[in-house]
Protein backbone atom coordinates (compact mmCIF):
# COMPACT_ATOMS: atom_id res chain seq x y z
CA UNK A 1 -32.13 32.68 -21.61
CA UNK A 2 -28.94 34.29 -20.35
CA UNK A 3 -27.35 37.10 -22.25
CA UNK A 4 -24.60 35.95 -24.66
CA UNK A 5 -22.29 38.68 -23.30
CA UNK A 6 -22.07 36.81 -20.00
CA UNK A 7 -19.85 34.21 -21.62
CA UNK A 8 -16.32 34.05 -22.95
CA UNK A 9 -14.67 31.42 -25.12
CA UNK A 10 -12.41 28.69 -23.81
CA UNK A 11 -9.62 26.90 -25.70
CA UNK A 12 -10.86 24.46 -28.31
CA UNK A 13 -9.03 21.48 -26.84
CA UNK A 14 -11.02 21.75 -23.62
CA UNK A 15 -14.17 20.64 -25.52
CA UNK A 16 -16.11 23.27 -23.61
CA UNK A 17 -17.01 26.47 -25.38
CA UNK A 18 -18.64 28.69 -22.80
CA UNK A 19 -17.72 29.87 -19.36
CA UNK A 20 -19.66 32.40 -17.29
CA UNK A 21 -17.63 35.46 -16.38
CA UNK A 22 -17.47 36.41 -12.74
CA UNK A 23 -18.43 40.00 -12.19
CA UNK A 24 -16.59 40.15 -8.89
CA UNK A 25 -13.02 41.31 -8.48
CA UNK A 26 -11.82 37.68 -8.48
CA UNK A 27 -12.78 36.75 -12.01
CA UNK A 28 -10.80 34.05 -13.79
CA UNK A 29 -8.11 34.77 -16.32
CA UNK A 30 -8.01 33.10 -19.69
CA UNK A 31 -4.95 30.84 -19.85
CA UNK A 32 -2.50 30.89 -22.70
CA UNK A 33 -1.75 27.63 -24.46
CA UNK A 34 1.39 28.80 -26.23
CA UNK A 35 3.92 25.99 -25.69
CA UNK A 36 6.84 28.39 -25.70
CA UNK A 37 5.48 30.50 -22.84
CA UNK A 38 2.95 28.93 -20.49
CA UNK A 39 1.25 31.17 -17.96
CA UNK A 40 -2.18 31.75 -16.52
CA UNK A 41 -3.05 34.52 -18.90
CA UNK A 42 -2.87 38.23 -19.47
CA UNK A 43 -5.11 40.91 -18.10
CA UNK A 44 -7.98 42.12 -20.27
CA UNK A 45 -7.08 45.41 -21.94
CA UNK A 46 -10.39 46.91 -20.80
CA UNK A 47 -9.93 45.80 -17.23
CA UNK A 48 -7.51 47.70 -15.00
CA UNK A 49 -8.11 45.54 -11.95
CA UNK A 50 -5.47 43.17 -10.71
CA UNK A 51 -6.98 39.76 -11.34
CA UNK A 52 -6.19 36.85 -9.07
CA UNK A 53 -7.04 33.20 -9.22
CA UNK A 54 -8.39 31.27 -6.28
CA UNK A 55 -6.70 27.95 -6.97
CA UNK A 56 -8.62 25.95 -4.37
CA UNK A 57 -12.01 26.80 -5.93
CA UNK A 58 -11.09 26.55 -9.60
CA UNK A 59 -12.25 23.37 -11.35
CA UNK A 60 -10.01 21.48 -13.75
CA UNK A 61 -12.91 21.07 -16.15
CA UNK A 62 -15.75 23.60 -16.15
CA UNK A 63 -19.14 21.96 -16.29
CA UNK A 64 -21.48 19.86 -14.22
CA UNK A 65 -20.26 19.18 -10.72
CA UNK A 66 -22.14 15.90 -10.47
CA UNK A 67 -19.67 13.09 -10.00
CA UNK A 68 -18.13 10.80 -7.43
CA UNK A 69 -17.69 11.74 -3.80
CA UNK A 70 -14.49 11.45 -1.79
CA UNK A 71 -15.07 7.74 -0.88
CA UNK A 72 -15.55 6.77 -4.55
CA UNK A 73 -12.46 8.75 -5.57
CA UNK A 74 -10.41 7.17 -2.76
CA UNK A 75 -11.49 3.68 -3.84
CA UNK A 76 -10.60 4.36 -7.48
CA UNK A 77 -7.20 5.85 -6.60
CA UNK A 78 -6.47 3.11 -4.05
CA UNK A 79 -7.38 0.48 -6.62
CA UNK A 80 -4.94 2.08 -9.04
CA UNK A 81 -2.20 1.83 -6.41
CA UNK A 82 -2.93 -1.57 -4.87
CA UNK A 83 -2.70 -3.99 -7.72
CA UNK A 84 -0.30 -6.79 -8.47
CA UNK A 85 2.59 -4.82 -6.94
CA UNK A 86 1.45 -5.85 -3.49
CA UNK A 87 2.29 -9.47 -4.32
CA UNK A 88 5.95 -8.62 -4.97
CA UNK A 89 6.43 -6.73 -1.68
CA UNK A 90 7.10 -9.77 0.55
CA UNK A 91 9.89 -10.78 -1.86
CA UNK A 92 11.39 -7.28 -1.71
CA UNK A 93 11.14 -7.43 2.08
CA UNK A 94 13.15 -10.67 1.95
CA UNK A 95 15.88 -8.81 0.06
CA UNK A 96 15.79 -5.47 1.90
CA UNK A 97 15.18 -6.74 5.42
CA UNK A 98 12.29 -5.72 7.67
CA UNK A 99 13.68 -2.40 8.91
CA UNK A 100 14.76 -0.93 5.56
CA UNK A 101 11.73 -2.43 3.85
CA UNK A 102 9.25 -0.72 6.19
CA UNK A 103 11.13 2.58 6.00
CA UNK A 104 11.03 2.51 2.18
CA UNK A 105 7.30 1.68 2.14
CA UNK A 106 6.59 4.77 4.27
CA UNK A 107 9.06 7.09 2.49
CA UNK A 108 7.87 6.10 -1.00
CA UNK A 109 4.27 6.65 0.07
CA UNK A 110 4.99 10.15 1.39
CA UNK A 111 7.01 11.18 -1.68
CA UNK A 112 4.32 9.83 -3.97
CA UNK A 113 1.64 11.82 -2.12
CA UNK A 114 3.70 15.02 -2.43
CA UNK A 115 4.14 14.45 -6.17
CA UNK A 116 0.38 13.84 -6.60
CA UNK A 117 -0.47 17.13 -4.84
CA UNK A 118 2.00 19.04 -7.01
CA UNK A 119 0.59 17.39 -10.12
CA UNK A 120 -2.97 18.38 -9.18
CA UNK A 121 -1.96 21.98 -8.45
CA UNK A 122 -0.24 22.54 -11.78
CA UNK A 123 -2.90 20.63 -13.72
CA UNK A 124 -5.45 23.13 -12.40
CA UNK A 125 -3.22 26.12 -13.14
CA UNK A 126 -2.70 24.94 -16.72
CA UNK A 127 -6.29 23.69 -17.11
CA UNK A 128 -4.84 20.35 -18.16
CA UNK A 129 -7.30 17.45 -18.15
CA UNK A 130 -4.71 14.70 -18.55
CA UNK A 131 -1.22 13.79 -17.40
CA UNK A 132 0.23 14.44 -20.84
CA UNK A 133 -1.28 17.92 -21.07
CA UNK A 134 0.33 19.22 -17.88
CA UNK A 135 3.67 17.74 -18.98
CA UNK A 136 3.30 19.54 -22.33
CA UNK A 137 2.68 22.86 -20.59
CA UNK A 138 5.88 22.43 -18.61
CA UNK A 139 8.24 20.93 -21.18
CA UNK A 140 6.63 20.95 -24.62
CA UNK A 141 5.03 18.46 -26.96
CA UNK A 142 7.96 16.01 -27.42
CA UNK A 143 8.16 15.39 -23.67
CA UNK A 144 4.39 14.98 -23.54
CA UNK A 145 4.62 12.23 -26.15
CA UNK A 146 7.39 10.60 -24.09
CA UNK A 147 5.23 10.72 -20.95
CA UNK A 148 2.29 9.17 -22.80
CA UNK A 149 4.52 6.38 -24.12
CA UNK A 150 5.62 5.76 -20.50
CA UNK A 151 1.97 5.51 -19.41
CA UNK A 152 1.23 3.03 -22.19
CA UNK A 153 4.26 0.85 -21.44
CA UNK A 154 3.71 1.00 -17.67
CA UNK A 155 -0.01 0.23 -17.74
CA UNK A 156 0.28 -2.44 -20.40
CA UNK A 157 3.09 -4.05 -18.38
CA UNK A 158 0.99 -3.97 -15.21
CA UNK A 159 -2.00 -5.54 -16.97
CA UNK A 160 0.24 -8.25 -18.41
CA UNK A 161 1.39 -8.96 -14.85
CA UNK A 162 -2.24 -9.30 -13.72
CA UNK A 163 -2.86 -11.96 -16.35
CA UNK A 164 0.36 -13.78 -15.41
CA UNK A 165 -0.76 -13.91 -11.77
CA UNK A 166 -4.21 -15.16 -12.76
CA UNK A 167 -2.61 -17.91 -14.82
CA UNK A 168 -0.13 -18.86 -12.08
CA UNK A 169 -2.75 -19.04 -9.35
CA UNK A 170 -5.61 -20.68 -11.22
CA UNK A 171 -3.67 -23.07 -13.49
CA UNK A 172 -0.41 -23.45 -11.60
CA UNK A 173 3.19 -22.85 -12.57
CA UNK A 174 6.37 -24.91 -12.81
CA UNK A 175 6.84 -25.25 -9.05
CA UNK A 176 3.31 -24.69 -7.71
CA UNK A 177 -0.12 -26.26 -8.11
CA UNK A 178 -3.02 -24.13 -9.27
CA UNK A 179 -6.45 -23.84 -7.69
CA UNK A 180 -8.07 -25.86 -10.50
CA UNK A 181 -5.47 -28.64 -10.18
CA UNK A 182 -6.14 -28.93 -6.46
CA UNK A 183 -9.92 -28.84 -6.83
CA UNK A 184 -10.50 -30.92 -9.97
CA UNK A 185 -7.20 -32.53 -10.97
CA UNK A 186 -5.70 -32.32 -14.44
CA UNK A 187 -7.85 -31.29 -17.37
CA UNK A 188 -8.60 -28.56 -19.89
CA UNK A 189 -9.24 -26.17 -17.01
CA UNK A 190 -5.58 -26.19 -16.00
CA UNK A 191 -4.40 -25.00 -19.41
CA UNK A 192 -3.02 -21.56 -18.55
CA UNK A 193 -3.71 -19.82 -21.87
CA UNK A 194 -7.28 -21.10 -22.04
CA UNK A 195 -8.09 -20.06 -18.46
CA UNK A 196 -6.69 -16.55 -18.94
CA UNK A 197 -8.56 -16.17 -22.24
CA UNK A 198 -11.88 -17.21 -20.65
CA UNK A 199 -11.36 -14.77 -17.75
CA UNK A 200 -10.59 -11.98 -20.20
CA UNK A 201 -13.62 -12.58 -22.42
CA UNK A 202 -16.17 -13.28 -19.67
CA UNK A 203 -15.10 -10.83 -16.94
CA UNK A 204 -12.53 -8.28 -18.11
CA UNK A 205 -13.91 -7.26 -21.50
CA UNK A 206 -17.34 -6.14 -20.19
CA UNK A 207 -15.77 -4.09 -17.37
CA UNK A 208 -13.16 -2.55 -19.68
CA UNK A 209 -15.85 -1.41 -22.13
CA UNK A 210 -17.26 1.13 -19.62
CA UNK A 211 -16.76 4.78 -20.64
CA UNK A 212 -16.36 6.54 -17.27
CA UNK A 213 -13.98 5.74 -14.47
CA UNK A 214 -16.67 6.77 -11.98
CA UNK A 215 -18.66 3.75 -13.21
CA UNK A 216 -15.99 1.59 -11.59
CA UNK A 217 -16.38 3.07 -8.09
CA UNK A 218 -18.35 0.11 -6.73
CA UNK A 219 -16.03 -2.49 -8.26
CA UNK A 220 -13.08 -0.50 -6.90
CA UNK A 221 -14.59 -0.57 -3.41
CA UNK A 222 -15.04 -4.34 -3.73
CA UNK A 223 -11.44 -4.73 -4.93
CA UNK A 224 -10.10 -2.77 -1.94
CA UNK A 225 -12.20 -4.96 0.39
CA UNK A 226 -10.73 -8.11 -1.20
CA UNK A 227 -7.20 -6.73 -0.81
CA UNK A 228 -7.90 -6.00 2.86
CA UNK A 229 -9.26 -9.56 3.23
CA UNK A 230 -5.97 -10.91 1.91
CA UNK A 231 -4.04 -8.73 4.37
CA UNK A 232 -6.21 -9.82 7.31
CA UNK A 233 -5.80 -13.53 6.55
CA UNK A 234 -2.05 -13.30 5.95
CA UNK A 235 -1.48 -11.14 9.04
CA UNK A 236 -3.65 -13.39 11.25
CA UNK A 237 -1.86 -16.56 10.17
CA UNK A 238 1.56 -14.93 10.64
CA UNK A 239 0.58 -13.66 14.10
CA UNK A 240 -0.62 -17.10 15.22
CA UNK A 241 2.57 -18.79 14.06
CA UNK A 242 4.69 -16.02 15.58
CA UNK A 243 3.02 -16.44 18.99
CA UNK A 244 3.49 -20.21 18.78
CA UNK A 245 7.18 -19.72 17.96
CA UNK A 246 6.98 -21.45 14.58
CA UNK A 247 8.43 -18.63 12.49
CA UNK A 248 12.13 -18.34 11.73
CA UNK A 249 13.88 -15.11 12.71
CA UNK A 250 13.45 -12.66 9.81
CA UNK A 251 16.29 -10.71 8.25
CA UNK A 252 16.30 -7.20 9.67
CA UNK A 253 18.83 -5.63 7.25
CA UNK A 254 19.78 -6.33 3.63
CA UNK A 255 22.35 -8.99 2.84
CA UNK A 256 25.23 -7.42 0.90
CA UNK A 257 27.75 -10.21 1.38
CA UNK A 258 27.94 -11.29 -2.27
CA UNK A 259 27.67 -9.86 -5.77
CA UNK A 260 24.36 -11.66 -6.32
CA UNK A 261 22.94 -10.25 -3.09
CA UNK A 262 23.99 -6.71 -4.06
CA UNK A 263 22.33 -7.10 -7.47
CA UNK A 264 19.11 -8.34 -5.82
CA UNK A 265 19.21 -5.34 -3.50
CA UNK A 266 19.63 -2.86 -6.36
CA UNK A 267 16.82 -4.51 -8.33
CA UNK A 268 14.44 -4.56 -5.34
CA UNK A 269 14.43 -0.78 -4.85
CA UNK A 270 12.88 0.04 -8.27
CA UNK A 271 10.21 -2.58 -7.55
CA UNK A 272 9.40 -0.67 -4.36
CA UNK A 273 9.10 2.62 -6.29
CA UNK A 274 6.63 0.89 -8.60
CA UNK A 275 4.25 0.26 -5.71
CA UNK A 276 2.70 3.74 -5.49
CA UNK A 277 2.43 4.78 -9.12
CA UNK A 278 -1.12 6.06 -9.69
CA UNK A 279 -0.41 9.46 -11.22
CA UNK A 280 -1.80 8.64 -14.67
CA UNK A 281 -5.27 8.25 -13.11
CA UNK A 282 -5.17 11.40 -10.95
CA UNK A 283 -6.65 13.73 -13.56
CA UNK A 284 -9.48 11.39 -14.70
CA UNK A 285 -10.48 10.84 -11.06
CA UNK A 286 -10.24 14.57 -10.34
CA UNK A 287 -12.35 15.45 -13.39
CA UNK A 288 -15.22 13.27 -12.13
CA UNK A 289 -14.96 14.41 -8.49
CA UNK A 290 -18.12 16.07 -7.16
CA UNK A 291 -17.62 19.77 -6.29
CA UNK A 292 -13.97 19.30 -7.26
CA UNK A 293 -11.14 21.43 -5.92
CA UNK A 294 -7.42 20.81 -5.34
CA UNK A 295 -8.02 20.78 -1.57
CA UNK A 296 -10.62 18.04 -1.94
CA UNK A 297 -8.37 16.01 -4.25
CA UNK A 298 -5.49 16.41 -1.80
CA UNK A 299 -7.67 14.83 0.89
CA UNK A 300 -8.38 11.96 -1.49
CA UNK A 301 -4.63 11.52 -2.05
CA UNK A 302 -3.81 11.59 1.67
CA UNK A 303 -6.51 9.08 2.62
CA UNK A 304 -5.30 6.84 -0.19
CA UNK A 305 -1.66 7.10 0.91
CA UNK A 306 -2.41 6.20 4.53
CA UNK A 307 -4.56 3.25 3.48
CA UNK A 308 -1.95 1.99 1.03
CA UNK A 309 0.92 2.29 3.52
CA UNK A 310 -1.03 0.22 6.07
CA UNK A 311 -1.98 -2.43 3.50
CA UNK A 312 1.51 -2.59 2.00
CA UNK A 313 3.35 -2.79 5.31
CA UNK A 314 0.98 -5.46 6.65
CA UNK A 315 1.25 -7.55 3.48
CA UNK A 316 5.03 -7.27 3.17
CA UNK A 317 5.68 -8.14 6.81
CA UNK A 318 3.15 -10.97 7.14
CA UNK A 319 4.05 -12.51 3.77
CA UNK A 320 7.76 -12.50 4.56
CA UNK A 321 7.24 -13.83 8.10
CA UNK A 322 5.07 -16.67 6.79
CA UNK A 323 7.41 -17.96 4.10
CA UNK A 324 10.84 -16.53 5.01
CA UNK A 325 13.61 -17.38 2.57
CA UNK A 326 11.13 -19.40 0.46
CA UNK A 327 9.05 -16.31 -0.37
CA UNK A 328 8.32 -16.26 -4.11
CA UNK A 329 8.36 -13.23 -6.41
CA UNK A 330 4.57 -13.64 -6.50
CA UNK A 331 3.70 -14.51 -2.88
CA UNK A 332 0.28 -15.81 -3.95
CA UNK A 333 1.95 -18.90 -5.36
CA UNK A 334 3.23 -19.70 -1.85
CA UNK A 335 -0.34 -20.31 -0.73
CA UNK A 336 -0.52 -23.77 -2.29
CA UNK A 337 1.00 -25.49 0.73
CA UNK A 338 -0.02 -26.25 4.31
CA UNK A 339 0.22 -23.09 6.43
CA UNK A 340 0.58 -25.09 9.63
CA UNK A 341 -2.69 -23.98 11.24
CA UNK A 342 -6.28 -25.22 11.34
CA UNK A 343 -8.37 -24.74 8.21
CA UNK A 344 -5.19 -24.14 6.24
CA UNK A 345 -6.60 -25.39 2.93
CA UNK A 346 -9.73 -23.25 3.26
CA UNK A 347 -7.65 -20.14 4.01
CA UNK A 348 -5.42 -20.90 1.03
CA UNK A 349 -8.41 -20.98 -1.30
CA UNK A 350 -9.87 -17.79 0.22
CA UNK A 351 -6.58 -15.92 -0.22
CA UNK A 352 -5.93 -16.99 -3.78
CA UNK A 353 -9.45 -16.82 -5.19
CA UNK A 354 -10.13 -13.56 -3.34
CA UNK A 355 -7.08 -11.91 -4.78
CA UNK A 356 -7.81 -13.13 -8.30
CA UNK A 357 -11.21 -11.44 -7.97
CA UNK A 358 -9.39 -8.33 -6.71
CA UNK A 359 -7.18 -8.25 -9.81
CA UNK A 360 -10.20 -8.74 -12.08
CA UNK A 361 -11.77 -5.64 -10.50
CA UNK A 362 -8.52 -3.63 -10.62
CA UNK A 363 -7.81 -4.48 -14.27
CA UNK A 364 -10.41 -2.11 -15.83
CA UNK A 365 -9.23 0.87 -13.72
CA UNK A 366 -5.69 0.56 -15.10
CA UNK A 367 -7.03 -0.21 -18.55
CA UNK A 368 -9.12 3.00 -18.50
CA UNK A 369 -6.10 5.31 -18.45
CA UNK A 370 -4.24 3.06 -20.90
CA UNK A 371 -7.08 3.35 -23.41
CA UNK A 372 -7.42 7.11 -22.87
CA UNK A 373 -3.68 7.64 -23.41
CA UNK A 374 -3.53 5.51 -26.55
CA UNK A 375 -6.54 7.38 -27.93
CA UNK A 376 -4.92 10.76 -27.18
CA UNK A 377 -1.67 9.71 -28.86
CA UNK A 378 -3.14 7.99 -31.92
CA UNK A 379 -6.32 10.02 -32.49
CA UNK A 380 -5.14 13.46 -31.42
CA UNK A 381 -7.66 16.20 -32.14
CA UNK A 382 -10.62 13.82 -32.21
CA UNK A 383 -13.62 14.33 -29.92
CA UNK A 384 -13.43 12.73 -26.46
CA UNK A 385 -13.46 8.95 -26.44
CA UNK A 386 -16.73 8.95 -24.49
CA UNK A 387 -18.43 10.47 -27.56
CA UNK A 388 -17.33 7.69 -29.92
CA UNK A 389 -18.57 4.30 -28.76
CA UNK A 390 -17.21 2.54 -31.84
CA UNK A 391 -13.69 3.93 -31.33
CA UNK A 392 -13.82 3.10 -27.63
CA UNK A 393 -14.82 -0.53 -28.18
CA UNK A 394 -12.31 -0.94 -31.00
CA UNK A 395 -9.43 0.33 -28.86
CA UNK A 396 -10.54 -1.86 -25.96
CA UNK A 397 -10.56 -4.97 -28.14
CA UNK A 398 -7.14 -4.27 -29.68
CA UNK A 399 -5.51 -3.52 -26.32
CA UNK A 400 -6.94 -6.63 -24.66
CA UNK A 401 -5.63 -8.84 -27.48
CA UNK A 402 -2.12 -7.32 -27.24
CA UNK A 403 -2.08 -7.63 -23.43
CA UNK A 404 -3.14 -11.27 -23.66
CA UNK A 405 -0.34 -12.01 -26.15
CA UNK A 406 2.16 -10.27 -23.85
CA UNK A 407 1.08 -12.41 -20.89
CA UNK A 408 2.00 -15.55 -22.83
CA UNK A 409 5.55 -14.27 -23.52
CA UNK A 410 6.82 -12.85 -20.19
CA UNK A 411 8.04 -15.54 -17.75
CA UNK A 412 7.14 -14.04 -14.34
CA UNK A 413 6.08 -10.86 -12.57
CA UNK A 414 9.56 -10.16 -11.13
CA UNK A 415 10.93 -9.76 -14.67
CA UNK A 416 8.16 -7.30 -15.57
CA UNK A 417 8.24 -5.30 -12.34
CA UNK A 418 11.99 -4.81 -12.15
CA UNK A 419 12.09 -3.20 -15.61
CA UNK A 420 8.91 -1.10 -15.40
CA UNK A 421 9.87 -0.06 -11.86
CA UNK A 422 13.26 1.24 -13.03
CA UNK A 423 11.95 3.04 -16.12
CA UNK A 424 8.32 3.97 -16.72
CA UNK A 425 7.06 3.75 -13.13
CA UNK A 426 9.77 5.92 -11.61
CA UNK A 427 9.34 8.41 -14.47
CA UNK A 428 5.57 8.72 -14.08
CA UNK A 429 5.59 8.78 -10.29
CA UNK A 430 8.56 11.02 -9.59
CA UNK A 431 10.59 12.36 -12.54
CA UNK A 432 7.82 14.02 -14.59
CA UNK A 433 5.93 15.49 -11.56
CA UNK A 434 9.19 16.92 -10.20
CA UNK A 435 10.09 18.50 -13.54
CA UNK A 436 6.57 19.92 -13.90
CA UNK A 437 6.82 21.50 -10.44
CA UNK A 438 10.25 23.00 -11.09
CA UNK A 439 9.49 24.27 -14.60
CA UNK A 440 6.13 25.81 -13.62
CA UNK A 441 7.14 27.01 -10.15
CA UNK A 442 6.52 30.62 -11.18
CA UNK A 443 2.83 29.77 -11.63
CA UNK A 444 2.22 27.87 -8.43
CA UNK A 445 4.13 29.92 -5.88
CA UNK A 446 5.65 26.75 -4.41
CA UNK A 447 7.22 26.95 -0.97
CA UNK A 448 10.87 26.30 -0.23
CA UNK A 449 9.93 22.90 1.21
CA UNK A 450 8.07 21.91 -1.95
CA UNK A 451 10.97 23.15 -4.07
CA UNK A 452 13.37 21.06 -1.96
CA UNK A 453 11.20 17.94 -2.20
CA UNK A 454 10.87 18.39 -5.96
CA UNK A 455 14.65 18.39 -6.37
CA UNK A 456 15.01 15.52 -3.87
CA UNK A 457 12.47 13.39 -5.75
CA UNK A 458 14.11 14.19 -9.08
CA UNK A 459 17.63 13.27 -7.91
CA UNK A 460 16.47 10.09 -6.14
CA UNK A 461 14.30 9.02 -9.08
CA UNK A 462 17.04 9.49 -11.68
CA UNK A 463 19.52 7.64 -9.44
CA UNK A 464 17.12 4.73 -8.86
CA UNK A 465 16.32 4.56 -12.57
CA UNK A 466 19.95 4.49 -13.74
CA UNK A 467 21.09 2.04 -11.06
CA UNK A 468 18.03 -0.15 -11.61
CA UNK A 469 18.42 -0.37 -15.38
CA UNK A 470 22.16 -1.11 -15.15
CA UNK A 471 21.57 -3.75 -12.45
CA UNK A 472 18.78 -5.38 -14.45
CA UNK A 473 20.93 -5.60 -17.58
CA UNK A 474 23.90 -6.92 -15.63
CA UNK A 475 21.80 -9.55 -13.83
CA UNK A 476 20.38 -10.76 -17.16
CA UNK A 477 23.86 -11.03 -18.66
CA UNK A 478 25.10 -12.91 -15.58
CA UNK A 479 22.26 -15.46 -15.86
CA UNK A 480 22.78 -15.88 -19.58
C-alpha cells in the first residue's frame, strides 16, 4: 500500500479526498475556494520552488480516466446542440434572407465555439465540475444561482418544445395533418395529449432514468444520424426542384419595409442565438472524457461546431427553398403535403418519423443537465446524484410531469424559442462565459484576441437580449 504522506487533501465539494503529489518541479497547487478571492492557490510554506500548472494536462476531476472517447463526446455535444432549434431555422431564414441567414449561422457557431473553449479553460483552472461552479468562482454565489435558474428555464423550455413538436407531427395541429391521421384516420391515436403521454412513459422515461451522460453516447450517435438523414432528404428534394426550375426565387436580404417585418427581424435573431447553446453540458461531457484535457475537449468542440454549421446551413437553406413564404415556424409540419417529386409521401413519412425519433433520443441528453442542475440547486451539499438512485428517479419523475404539463399550455415552438433565445439561451451561451473570462482573466493568461472576443460577445449578447425581449413584448401587445 502506498505511503499516506504521498497524498494531500482536496476540497470537500469535489467528492474526492486524495490526490497524489507530484515530486517533480511541476507539482499542482491546491486551489482556494474563497468566493471573495479566487485564484489557483498559494505556494507551500516549505517549498521555495516556483510552482506552475500545466493546464493542458490537468484533469477537471481527478480519478479514473476511463470514459468516452472523442467520437462519443462529439455525438453527445452535437446532440445537445442539434435539437428542436433546427426546425425553426428555415423560418428564420425566411425572415433574415439567405445571405444574412447563412452569415449568422457561421458567426454564431464560431462565437459559441470560442465561448466553450474559454469555459473549459476556466473550469479547469477553478476545478469546477459544473457550469454553476465556474460562474460562482468568477462572480459569487448569487450569480451562480442565477445561472442555474437560467439552465433550468432554458432546458425545461427546450424539452417542452420537443413534446410540442412530437404532438404536432404525430397527431396534427390546427392547419396540418398528423402522421397518425394520414395513416389510420381519426381515432384515439390522434389525441395530442394521449400520444405525447404514451411517448413519454414508454420511451423518454427509461432513457431519462440513466445516471451517466456517457450511457447516452450510442443514442446520441443515432440521433445525429437521424438529423443528417433529415438534412439529406430535404437538401435532395430542394436540389431536384431547383434544377427543374420549380422553386420560387428566395429572399436574399431581410424585408424591413413595414413595422411587422422589422419586429419579425428583431425576434428572429435571438432564435438564431438559441441554436448553438450547449454550454450547460460541456462540463459533464468533459468529466467523462477519456484521458481528458482542455486540448482534447477543444477538439471535441471544434468538430461539433463544424458539423453543426454544415447541418444547420443545409437545413435552413433547403427548408426555406422548399416551402418559401409558406415555411412554418416548425418546418416539420410542412411535410404533410405533396413535395412535387416521386415518392413524395414516402419521403414525408421518413422525414417526420425520423425526426421524431431524433428528438426522442435528444430529450434525455438535455434532461440530464436539467436534472443535475435542479439537484444542485435544491439539494446542495448532498452526495452526487449518481450515488442516490431514489433521489435521481424522484427528480426525473417530477421533472417529466412538469414538462408534460408545460407542453399542453404553450401554443407553438416559435413562442417558446423567441423568449428563451432572448433571455436564458443568450445568457448561458454568451453572457456568462464572457463574464467568466473577463473576471478570471488573471488566472488564464488570455490573449488580446480572446479578451477582445469576450467583450464583443458580451456587448452583442446584451444587445440581442434587450432588443429581443422588448420586441417580443411589443409583438405580443400588438397582437393582443
